[in-house]
Every structure is written in C-alpha cells, then in structure tokens.
C-alpha cells in the first residue's frame, strides 16, 4: 500500500477498526512524523496492543464506528480503514462517509471487495447462506459484500466522491474526498 498511496500528505491519521495494528505499525514506522491513532471496537484488542512496546508510538483507543460519536474525525487529516465496510450496514457506512464530509476529512477505504463480478457474486451467495445459519444477534457478522461501484454510490449519497483507486496485493485502496 505504501507504493499505492502517499501518506506523507497527512499529519494526523485515524485508523478505524485497527485489529492487531499491522497497518498502523507499518505506516507509523515508515512515516515517524505522522501522528497515527488506531481504534477498534474491541477493548481487549486495544489493551493487548497497548502492552506491546513495538506499538508504543501509536495512539490507541476503543471506538465503535457504528455507535460512537464520529466527531472524533475533526481532529484528523485522513481516516483509514481496512475492510471495515464488511461489518457496517449501508446506513452506518453512509453515516461514516457523511461524517468525513462534515469534517472535511478524506477517507481511504482499503478493501478486497474488488475481486471482480464473478467472485463478488460467488462470495455474496456464500455469505447469504452463512448468515442464515447464524442465529440473529449472536455475533457481529462480518462479510457484507459490496462492489466498488456500490461503495462509491453510498459515498456519493453522503457527499463524498471516489477520487482515486490504487491496487495493492489483493486489496484496492479507494480514496474518497468531500465534494
């Protein structure tokens, strides 16, 4: 991704849904002048990562994009996520895009949704079958598939436009900016 996207343009980056922080580590170690904040909805993840000296230069806190106040974006120059859109409903994703627009924060959405139409249809059918097997409210389903075009349409609904697209490994980096 470092070859597909220039992080040097941004002083304060907020990562949404950081997991065990491999991307946060890579970006913050390659660009030590950047203030990098990593968030995740799971307090255990944040607590575990906070104990690792390797990640000590990264700000960390518990934050749930689906429930918490997205005003936190106003203190950052770029929002970043890695396949976070899989765990958000259309409405939640539109709300995230709208908050980015409100606070004039570009949003770099990295996803592996861009697998092509055949792969998309195949995985979409598999996810629907899997969702039927899981009792409602028993777990937070991950895997809401959307095409790049569908993601761009949701962003447009919220006043954001797809500015650039860059490929890296099996992901595509979609940069959305306020219109």
C-alpha atoms as a PDB file:
ATOM      1  CA  UNK A   1       0.000   0.000   0.000  1.00  0.00           C
ATOM      2  CA  UNK A   2       2.898   2.358   0.625  1.00  0.00           C
ATOM      3  CA  UNK A   3       3.556   2.253  -3.136  1.00  0.00           C
ATOM      4  CA  UNK A   4      -0.131   2.779  -3.982  1.00  0.00           C
ATOM      5  CA  UNK A   5      -0.841   5.691  -1.619  1.00  0.00           C
ATOM      6  CA  UNK A   6       1.208   8.660  -0.370  1.00  0.00           C
ATOM      7  CA  UNK A   7       0.697   9.009   3.391  1.00  0.00           C
ATOM      8  CA  UNK A   8       3.216  11.878   3.619  1.00  0.00           C
ATOM      9  CA  UNK A   9       0.468  14.380   2.734  1.00  0.00           C
ATOM     10  CA  UNK A  10      -1.205  13.830   6.112  1.00  0.00           C
ATOM     11  CA  UNK A  11      -0.078  14.812   9.616  1.00  0.00           C
ATOM     12  CA  UNK A  12      -2.828  13.119  11.662  1.00  0.00           C
ATOM     13  CA  UNK A  13      -4.256   9.762  10.597  1.00  0.00           C
ATOM     14  CA  UNK A  14      -7.155   7.971  12.284  1.00  0.00           C
ATOM     15  CA  UNK A  15      -7.490   4.259  11.603  1.00  0.00           C
ATOM     16  CA  UNK A  16     -10.951   2.830  12.172  1.00  0.00           C
ATOM     17  CA  UNK A  17     -11.112  -0.871  13.055  1.00  0.00           C
ATOM     18  CA  UNK A  18      -7.388  -1.454  13.514  1.00  0.00           C
ATOM     19  CA  UNK A  19      -7.450  -5.041  14.756  1.00  0.00           C
ATOM     20  CA  UNK A  20      -3.961  -6.102  15.846  1.00  0.00           C
ATOM     21  CA  UNK A  21      -2.471  -3.000  14.162  1.00  0.00           C
ATOM     22  CA  UNK A  22      -0.181  -4.351  11.425  1.00  0.00           C
ATOM     23  CA  UNK A  23      -1.054  -1.483   9.076  1.00  0.00           C
ATOM     24  CA  UNK A  24      -0.738   1.089  11.865  1.00  0.00           C
ATOM     25  CA  UNK A  25       2.733  -0.244  12.637  1.00  0.00           C
ATOM     26  CA  UNK A  26       3.882  -0.165   9.003  1.00  0.00           C
ATOM     27  CA  UNK A  27       2.594   3.337   8.251  1.00  0.00           C
ATOM     28  CA  UNK A  28       3.751   4.872  11.540  1.00  0.00           C
ATOM     29  CA  UNK A  29       7.202   3.258  11.312  1.00  0.00           C
ATOM     30  CA  UNK A  30       7.678   4.363   7.686  1.00  0.00           C
ATOM     31  CA  UNK A  31       6.470   7.903   8.446  1.00  0.00           C
ATOM     32  CA  UNK A  32       7.501   8.694  12.041  1.00  0.00           C
ATOM     33  CA  UNK A  33       6.397  12.336  11.696  1.00  0.00           C
ATOM     34  CA  UNK A  34       2.765  11.300  11.329  1.00  0.00           C
ATOM     35  CA  UNK A  35       0.550  11.244  14.405  1.00  0.00           C
ATOM     36  CA  UNK A  36      -1.199   7.898  13.981  1.00  0.00           C
ATOM     37  CA  UNK A  37      -4.259   6.928  16.030  1.00  0.00           C
ATOM     38  CA  UNK A  38      -5.581   3.372  15.877  1.00  0.00           C
ATOM     39  CA  UNK A  39      -9.080   2.484  17.077  1.00  0.00           C
ATOM     40  CA  UNK A  40     -11.087  -0.693  17.430  1.00  0.00           C
ATOM     41  CA  UNK A  41     -14.480  -1.521  18.934  1.00  0.00           C
ATOM     42  CA  UNK A  42     -12.948  -4.369  20.978  1.00  0.00           C
ATOM     43  CA  UNK A  43     -11.367  -3.163  24.263  1.00  0.00           C
ATOM     44  CA  UNK A  44      -9.366  -6.408  24.521  1.00  0.00           C
ATOM     45  CA  UNK A  45      -7.637  -5.662  21.191  1.00  0.00           C
ATOM     46  CA  UNK A  46      -6.691  -2.141  22.273  1.00  0.00           C
ATOM     47  CA  UNK A  47      -5.475  -3.338  25.709  1.00  0.00           C
ATOM     48  CA  UNK A  48      -3.399  -6.131  24.145  1.00  0.00           C
ATOM     49  CA  UNK A  49      -1.798  -3.794  21.610  1.00  0.00           C
ATOM     50  CA  UNK A  50      -1.127  -1.187  24.310  1.00  0.00           C
ATOM     51  CA  UNK A  51       1.134  -3.721  26.071  1.00  0.00           C
ATOM     52  CA  UNK A  52       3.392  -4.131  23.032  1.00  0.00           C
ATOM     53  CA  UNK A  53       6.424  -1.821  23.104  1.00  0.00           C
ATOM     54  CA  UNK A  54       6.613  -2.094  19.301  1.00  0.00           C
ATOM     55  CA  UNK A  55       3.319  -0.156  19.080  1.00  0.00           C
ATOM     56  CA  UNK A  56       4.105   2.446  21.759  1.00  0.00           C
ATOM     57  CA  UNK A  57       4.307   5.343  19.279  1.00  0.00           C
ATOM     58  CA  UNK A  58       0.733   4.775  18.111  1.00  0.00           C
ATOM     59  CA  UNK A  59      -2.166   6.447  19.919  1.00  0.00           C
ATOM     60  CA  UNK A  60      -4.879   3.878  20.672  1.00  0.00           C
ATOM     61  CA  UNK A  61      -8.417   3.942  21.977  1.00  0.00           C
ATOM     62  CA  UNK A  62     -11.654   1.979  21.925  1.00  0.00           C
ATOM     63  CA  UNK A  63     -14.044   3.358  19.339  1.00  0.00           C
ATOM     64  CA  UNK A  64     -17.054   1.804  17.660  1.00  0.00           C
ATOM     65  CA  UNK A  65     -17.788   3.442  14.303  1.00  0.00           C
ATOM     66  CA  UNK A  66     -21.342   2.099  14.415  1.00  0.00           C
ATOM     67  CA  UNK A  67     -22.182   3.597  17.832  1.00  0.00           C
ATOM     68  CA  UNK A  68     -19.738   6.297  18.950  1.00  0.00           C
ATOM     69  CA  UNK A  69     -19.606   9.992  18.053  1.00  0.00           C
ATOM     70  CA  UNK A  70     -17.910  10.415  14.687  1.00  0.00           C
ATOM     71  CA  UNK A  71     -16.941  13.964  15.670  1.00  0.00           C
ATOM     72  CA  UNK A  72     -13.550  12.458  16.534  1.00  0.00           C
ATOM     73  CA  UNK A  73     -12.784  12.788  12.802  1.00  0.00           C
ATOM     74  CA  UNK A  74     -12.442  16.568  13.094  1.00  0.00           C
ATOM     75  CA  UNK A  75      -9.058  16.163  14.789  1.00  0.00           C
ATOM     76  CA  UNK A  76      -7.541  14.224  11.871  1.00  0.00           C
ATOM     77  CA  UNK A  77      -6.428  14.831   8.284  1.00  0.00           C
ATOM     78  CA  UNK A  78      -7.202  11.327   6.987  1.00  0.00           C
ATOM     79  CA  UNK A  79      -9.435   8.439   8.056  1.00  0.00           C
ATOM     80  CA  UNK A  80      -8.304   4.939   7.072  1.00  0.00           C
ATOM     81  CA  UNK A  81      -9.935   1.530   7.343  1.00  0.00           C
ATOM     82  CA  UNK A  82      -9.082  -1.993   6.216  1.00  0.00           C
ATOM     83  CA  UNK A  83     -12.192  -3.931   5.205  1.00  0.00           C
ATOM     84  CA  UNK A  84     -14.246  -2.171   7.896  1.00  0.00           C
ATOM     85  CA  UNK A  85     -17.113  -1.821   5.424  1.00  0.00           C
ATOM     86  CA  UNK A  86     -17.741  -5.561   5.779  1.00  0.00           C
ATOM     87  CA  UNK A  87     -19.044  -5.052   9.326  1.00  0.00           C
ATOM     88  CA  UNK A  88     -21.184  -1.972   8.626  1.00  0.00           C
ATOM     89  CA  UNK A  89     -24.693  -1.732   7.241  1.00  0.00           C
ATOM     90  CA  UNK A  90     -25.328   0.597   4.304  1.00  0.00           C
ATOM     91  CA  UNK A  91     -26.759   3.194   6.708  1.00  0.00           C
ATOM     92  CA  UNK A  92     -23.717   3.010   9.006  1.00  0.00           C
ATOM     93  CA  UNK A  93     -21.341   3.312   6.054  1.00  0.00           C
ATOM     94  CA  UNK A  94     -23.257   6.320   4.704  1.00  0.00           C
ATOM     95  CA  UNK A  95     -23.089   7.888   8.197  1.00  0.00           C
ATOM     96  CA  UNK A  96     -19.321   7.390   8.243  1.00  0.00           C
ATOM     97  CA  UNK A  97     -18.954   8.973   4.804  1.00  0.00           C
ATOM     98  CA  UNK A  98     -21.227  11.859   5.875  1.00  0.00           C
ATOM     99  CA  UNK A  99     -19.130  12.474   8.998  1.00  0.00           C
ATOM    100  CA  UNK A 100     -15.976  12.546   6.856  1.00  0.00           C
ATOM    101  CA  UNK A 101     -17.645  15.090   4.577  1.00  0.00           C
ATOM    102  CA  UNK A 102     -18.848  17.204   7.526  1.00  0.00           C
ATOM    103  CA  UNK A 103     -15.330  17.380   8.963  1.00  0.00           C
ATOM    104  CA  UNK A 104     -13.604  17.676   5.537  1.00  0.00           C
ATOM    105  CA  UNK A 105     -11.613  14.504   6.138  1.00  0.00           C
ATOM    106  CA  UNK A 106     -10.640  12.283   3.190  1.00  0.00           C
ATOM    107  CA  UNK A 107     -11.350   8.608   3.756  1.00  0.00           C
ATOM    108  CA  UNK A 108      -9.016   5.876   2.490  1.00  0.00           C
ATOM    109  CA  UNK A 109     -11.083   2.709   2.419  1.00  0.00           C
ATOM    110  CA  UNK A 110      -8.939  -0.350   1.740  1.00  0.00           C
ATOM    111  CA  UNK A 111     -10.946  -3.406   0.759  1.00  0.00           C
ATOM    112  CA  UNK A 112     -10.675  -6.715  -1.013  1.00  0.00           C
ATOM    113  CA  UNK A 113     -14.213  -6.341  -2.365  1.00  0.00           C
ATOM    114  CA  UNK A 114     -12.765  -5.575  -5.789  1.00  0.00           C
ATOM    115  CA  UNK A 115     -12.439  -9.202  -6.788  1.00  0.00           C
ATOM    116  CA  UNK A 116     -14.427  -8.855  -9.994  1.00  0.00           C
ATOM    117  CA  UNK A 117     -18.084  -9.552 -10.690  1.00  0.00           C
ATOM    118  CA  UNK A 118     -17.901 -13.376 -10.714  1.00  0.00           C
ATOM    119  CA  UNK A 119     -16.010 -13.546  -7.432  1.00  0.00           C
ATOM    120  CA  UNK A 120     -18.321 -10.929  -5.949  1.00  0.00           C
ATOM    121  CA  UNK A 121     -21.470 -12.884  -6.878  1.00  0.00           C
ATOM    122  CA  UNK A 122     -19.996 -16.180  -5.664  1.00  0.00           C
ATOM    123  CA  UNK A 123     -18.916 -14.772  -2.283  1.00  0.00           C
ATOM    124  CA  UNK A 124     -22.191 -12.874  -1.913  1.00  0.00           C
ATOM    125  CA  UNK A 125     -24.194 -16.112  -2.296  1.00  0.00           C
ATOM    126  CA  UNK A 126     -21.943 -17.918   0.190  1.00  0.00           C
ATOM    127  CA  UNK A 127     -22.340 -15.118   2.746  1.00  0.00           C
ATOM    128  CA  UNK A 128     -26.151 -15.224   2.458  1.00  0.00           C
ATOM    129  CA  UNK A 129     -26.099 -18.975   3.145  1.00  0.00           C
ATOM    130  CA  UNK A 130     -23.786 -18.485   6.110  1.00  0.00           C
ATOM    131  CA  UNK A 131     -25.943 -15.667   7.539  1.00  0.00           C
ATOM    132  CA  UNK A 132     -28.993 -17.961   7.583  1.00  0.00           C
ATOM    133  CA  UNK A 133     -27.095 -20.485   9.728  1.00  0.00           C
ATOM    134  CA  UNK A 134     -26.161 -17.960  12.427  1.00  0.00           C
ATOM    135  CA  UNK A 135     -28.897 -17.043  14.942  1.00  0.00           C
ATOM    136  CA  UNK A 136     -29.706 -13.310  14.965  1.00  0.00           C
ATOM    137  CA  UNK A 137     -27.772 -11.138  17.440  1.00  0.00           C
ATOM    138  CA  UNK A 138     -25.419 -13.998  18.317  1.00  0.00           C
ATOM    139  CA  UNK A 139     -22.410 -12.482  16.625  1.00  0.00           C
ATOM    140  CA  UNK A 140     -21.407  -9.436  14.651  1.00  0.00           C
ATOM    141  CA  UNK A 141     -21.492 -10.736  11.097  1.00  0.00           C
ATOM    142  CA  UNK A 142     -18.557  -9.751   9.008  1.00  0.00           C
ATOM    143  CA  UNK A 143     -18.765 -10.127   5.292  1.00  0.00           C
ATOM    144  CA  UNK A 144     -21.337  -7.685   3.932  1.00  0.00           C
ATOM    145  CA  UNK A 145     -20.099  -7.671   0.359  1.00  0.00           C
ATOM    146  CA  UNK A 146     -20.390  -4.615  -1.817  1.00  0.00           C
ATOM    147  CA  UNK A 147     -18.879  -3.872  -5.188  1.00  0.00           C
ATOM    148  CA  UNK A 148     -16.596  -0.861  -5.580  1.00  0.00           C
ATOM    149  CA  UNK A 149     -19.405   0.776  -7.553  1.00  0.00           C
ATOM    150  CA  UNK A 150     -21.853   0.209  -4.708  1.00  0.00           C
ATOM    151  CA  UNK A 151     -19.403   1.661  -2.169  1.00  0.00           C
ATOM    152  CA  UNK A 152     -18.878   4.694  -4.420  1.00  0.00           C
ATOM    153  CA  UNK A 153     -22.655   5.132  -4.737  1.00  0.00           C
ATOM    154  CA  UNK A 154     -23.059   5.116  -0.933  1.00  0.00           C
ATOM    155  CA  UNK A 155     -20.235   7.636  -0.623  1.00  0.00           C
ATOM    156  CA  UNK A 156     -21.859   9.869  -3.229  1.00  0.00           C
ATOM    157  CA  UNK A 157     -25.100   9.731  -1.240  1.00  0.00           C
ATOM    158  CA  UNK A 158     -23.185  11.225   1.681  1.00  0.00           C
ATOM    159  CA  UNK A 159     -21.406  13.906  -0.342  1.00  0.00           C
ATOM    160  CA  UNK A 160     -18.109  12.111  -0.906  1.00  0.00           C
ATOM    161  CA  UNK A 161     -16.577  11.234  -4.272  1.00  0.00           C
ATOM    162  CA  UNK A 162     -14.179   8.497  -5.288  1.00  0.00           C
ATOM    163  CA  UNK A 163     -11.013  10.420  -6.120  1.00  0.00           C
ATOM    164  CA  UNK A 164      -8.538   7.637  -6.748  1.00  0.00           C
ATOM    165  CA  UNK A 165      -8.159   3.889  -6.760  1.00  0.00           C
ATOM    166  CA  UNK A 166      -4.906   2.038  -6.204  1.00  0.00           C
ATOM    167  CA  UNK A 167      -4.256  -1.693  -6.148  1.00  0.00           C
ATOM    168  CA  UNK A 168      -2.042  -3.381  -3.564  1.00  0.00           C
ATOM    169  CA  UNK A 169      -1.669  -7.152  -3.148  1.00  0.00           C
ATOM    170  CA  UNK A 170      -5.280  -8.438  -3.008  1.00  0.00           C
ATOM    171  CA  UNK A 171      -6.818  -5.138  -1.884  1.00  0.00           C
ATOM    172  CA  UNK A 172      -7.856  -1.938  -3.562  1.00  0.00           C
ATOM    173  CA  UNK A 173      -7.342   1.434  -1.871  1.00  0.00           C
ATOM    174  CA  UNK A 174     -10.281   3.761  -2.510  1.00  0.00           C
ATOM    175  CA  UNK A 175      -9.729   7.406  -1.609  1.00  0.00           C
ATOM    176  CA  UNK A 176     -12.936   9.334  -1.053  1.00  0.00           C
ATOM    177  CA  UNK A 177     -12.945  13.116  -0.665  1.00  0.00           C
ATOM    178  CA  UNK A 178     -15.700  15.600   0.154  1.00  0.00           C
ATOM    179  CA  UNK A 179     -17.446  17.003  -2.924  1.00  0.00           C
END
